[in-house]
Amino acid sequence: MQVASIIVPHRGVPIVRTLDQEAPAPKAAGLLLTYYKAGQPLHLLVKRSASADHPRTWGFPGGGIEPGETALEAALREASEEVGLANAWMVNRACRPLGISEGFATFQLTLAYMLQPRLNHEHTAWVWAPYANLPAPMHPNALAILRNLYQP
């Protein structure tokens, strides 16, 4: 069964609104962790290390998809490794796909608690931030995903 893809260019960055079963498989995946505090969505953002691509930018936990993994499994594994998301395999049904941009699949998971991240060596800082007060500089793909969520 073919799933229709809706590509919405946002400031020159294409965002695929669904994960098309016939589209090329993504090479990497990430997880936008969201927590609602007093009704306001806050997003967990991590600052990439100086040795990463797009160094010192803020984005989502994520990384390469390993052989045999789905994009969602990779996103959950990366969140577990990079910020200490516990019991990631138990929450995979609650994740929703946000799309694929430049070979990177992004999923969103709304948490019932405000995770206190345990960062690994890939990141130097973290923050829970509302869309209206994002840290700078943002990773371009992360920023495009967030803009697409708030300015469809």
Protein backbone atom coordinates (compact mmCIF):
# COMPACT_ATOMS: atom_id res chain seq x y z
CA MET A 1 0.00 0.00 0.00
CA GLN A 2 1.41 3.36 -0.99
CA VAL A 3 1.37 6.16 1.55
CA ALA A 4 1.20 9.61 0.00
CA SER A 5 3.99 12.01 0.86
CA ILE A 6 3.36 15.68 1.30
CA ILE A 7 6.50 17.73 0.76
CA VAL A 8 6.28 21.21 2.21
CA PRO A 9 9.26 23.45 1.43
CA HIS A 10 10.02 25.73 4.34
CA ARG A 11 12.59 28.38 3.59
CA GLY A 12 14.23 26.08 1.08
CA VAL A 13 14.29 22.99 3.33
CA PRO A 14 11.90 20.24 2.18
CA ILE A 15 9.95 18.55 4.95
CA VAL A 16 8.18 15.27 4.26
CA ARG A 17 5.07 15.17 6.42
CA THR A 18 4.70 11.38 6.35
CA LEU A 19 7.10 8.48 6.19
CA ASP A 20 6.44 7.23 2.66
CA GLN A 21 6.91 3.48 2.42
CA GLU A 22 8.27 3.88 -1.13
CA ALA A 23 10.61 6.81 -0.39
CA PRO A 24 14.35 6.16 -0.01
CA ALA A 25 15.15 4.87 3.44
CA PRO A 26 16.57 7.52 5.79
CA LYS A 27 20.20 7.15 6.87
CA ALA A 28 19.72 8.69 10.33
CA ALA A 29 16.94 9.37 12.80
CA GLY A 30 16.23 11.55 15.80
CA LEU A 31 13.68 12.11 18.52
CA LEU A 32 12.02 15.38 19.48
CA LEU A 33 11.19 14.96 23.16
CA THR A 34 8.32 17.17 24.31
CA TYR A 35 7.01 17.86 27.81
CA TYR A 36 3.98 20.01 28.60
CA LYS A 37 4.48 22.36 31.56
CA ALA A 38 1.36 24.31 32.53
CA GLY A 39 -0.04 23.56 29.08
CA GLN A 40 3.01 24.92 27.23
CA PRO A 41 5.09 22.51 25.14
CA LEU A 42 8.78 22.46 25.97
CA HIS A 43 11.27 20.62 23.76
CA LEU A 44 14.50 18.97 24.88
CA LEU A 45 17.37 20.34 22.83
CA VAL A 46 20.99 19.24 23.07
CA LYS A 47 24.07 21.17 22.01
CA ARG A 48 26.31 19.28 19.60
CA SER A 49 30.00 18.97 20.44
CA ALA A 50 32.73 20.80 18.53
CA SER A 51 33.64 17.60 16.65
CA ALA A 52 30.12 16.90 15.30
CA ASP A 53 28.79 17.95 11.95
CA HIS A 54 27.05 21.29 12.46
CA PRO A 55 29.26 21.81 15.56
CA ARG A 56 27.92 23.69 18.56
CA THR A 57 24.37 23.82 17.20
CA TRP A 58 21.26 22.86 19.14
CA GLY A 59 19.12 19.97 17.95
CA PHE A 60 17.48 16.68 18.83
CA PRO A 61 19.12 13.48 20.05
CA GLY A 62 19.76 11.33 17.01
CA GLY A 63 22.22 9.56 14.79
CA GLY A 64 22.83 6.87 12.20
CA ILE A 65 20.56 3.94 11.59
CA GLU A 66 22.38 0.65 12.20
CA PRO A 67 21.90 -2.42 9.97
CA GLY A 68 18.63 -4.17 10.80
CA GLU A 69 17.15 -1.16 12.65
CA THR A 70 14.09 0.79 11.66
CA ALA A 71 14.27 4.58 11.76
CA LEU A 72 12.13 4.60 14.90
CA GLU A 73 14.32 2.01 16.64
CA ALA A 74 17.39 4.11 15.80
CA ALA A 75 15.77 7.30 17.13
CA LEU A 76 14.87 5.59 20.42
CA ARG A 77 18.33 4.00 20.76
CA GLU A 78 20.05 7.31 20.11
CA ALA A 79 17.87 9.08 22.68
CA SER A 80 18.75 6.39 25.19
CA GLU A 81 22.49 6.69 24.47
CA GLU A 82 22.68 10.47 24.19
CA VAL A 83 20.33 11.74 26.91
CA GLY A 84 19.52 8.66 29.01
CA LEU A 85 15.90 8.16 27.96
CA ALA A 86 14.98 5.06 30.00
CA ASN A 87 12.71 2.28 28.81
CA ALA A 88 12.82 3.65 25.27
CA TRP A 89 11.64 0.36 23.79
CA MET A 90 8.47 0.50 25.88
CA VAL A 91 7.37 3.87 24.50
CA ASN A 92 7.85 3.31 20.77
CA ARG A 93 4.12 3.09 20.07
CA ALA A 94 3.63 6.58 21.49
CA CYS A 95 6.06 8.12 18.98
CA ARG A 96 4.69 9.93 15.99
CA PRO A 97 6.60 10.55 12.77
CA LEU A 98 7.28 14.18 11.95
CA GLY A 99 8.96 13.58 8.62
CA ILE A 100 12.20 13.12 6.74
CA SER A 101 14.51 15.96 5.76
CA GLU A 102 17.82 15.39 3.98
CA GLY A 103 17.84 11.68 4.89
CA PHE A 104 17.08 12.30 8.59
CA ALA A 105 13.81 10.89 9.98
CA THR A 106 12.39 12.70 12.98
CA PHE A 107 9.86 11.36 15.48
CA GLN A 108 8.17 13.10 18.40
CA LEU A 109 7.57 11.62 21.83
CA THR A 110 5.57 13.47 24.47
CA LEU A 111 6.82 12.62 27.94
CA ALA A 112 4.75 12.55 31.13
CA TYR A 113 7.75 13.82 33.09
CA MET A 114 10.54 16.34 32.57
CA LEU A 115 13.56 14.18 31.81
CA GLN A 116 16.81 15.26 33.45
CA PRO A 117 19.24 14.24 30.69
CA ARG A 118 22.47 12.36 31.23
CA LEU A 119 24.55 13.53 28.29
CA ASN A 120 27.17 11.41 26.59
CA HIS A 121 30.30 12.74 24.86
CA GLU A 122 28.38 13.85 21.75
CA HIS A 123 26.77 16.83 23.47
CA THR A 124 27.91 19.58 25.81
CA ALA A 125 24.65 21.05 27.15
CA TRP A 126 20.89 20.59 27.21
CA VAL A 127 17.82 22.76 27.70
CA TRP A 128 14.04 22.39 27.79
CA ALA A 129 12.85 25.28 25.61
CA PRO A 130 9.56 26.53 24.18
CA TYR A 131 9.42 27.24 20.46
CA ALA A 132 9.25 30.99 21.16
CA ASN A 133 12.59 30.91 23.03
CA LEU A 134 14.88 28.48 21.16
CA PRO A 135 18.61 28.63 21.86
CA ALA A 136 20.95 29.71 19.07
CA PRO A 137 22.35 28.59 16.81
CA MET A 138 19.90 25.85 15.95
CA HIS A 139 20.79 22.89 13.72
CA PRO A 140 19.12 23.80 10.38
CA ASN A 141 17.08 20.58 10.08
CA ALA A 142 15.90 20.74 13.70
CA LEU A 143 14.83 24.33 13.20
CA ALA A 144 12.97 23.41 10.00
CA ILE A 145 11.10 20.60 11.77
CA LEU A 146 10.08 22.91 14.64
CA ARG A 147 9.02 25.68 12.27
CA ASN A 148 6.91 23.21 10.37
CA LEU A 149 5.21 22.13 13.62
CA TYR A 150 4.38 25.67 14.67
CA GLN A 151 3.94 27.36 11.29
CA PRO A 152 2.34 24.69 9.05
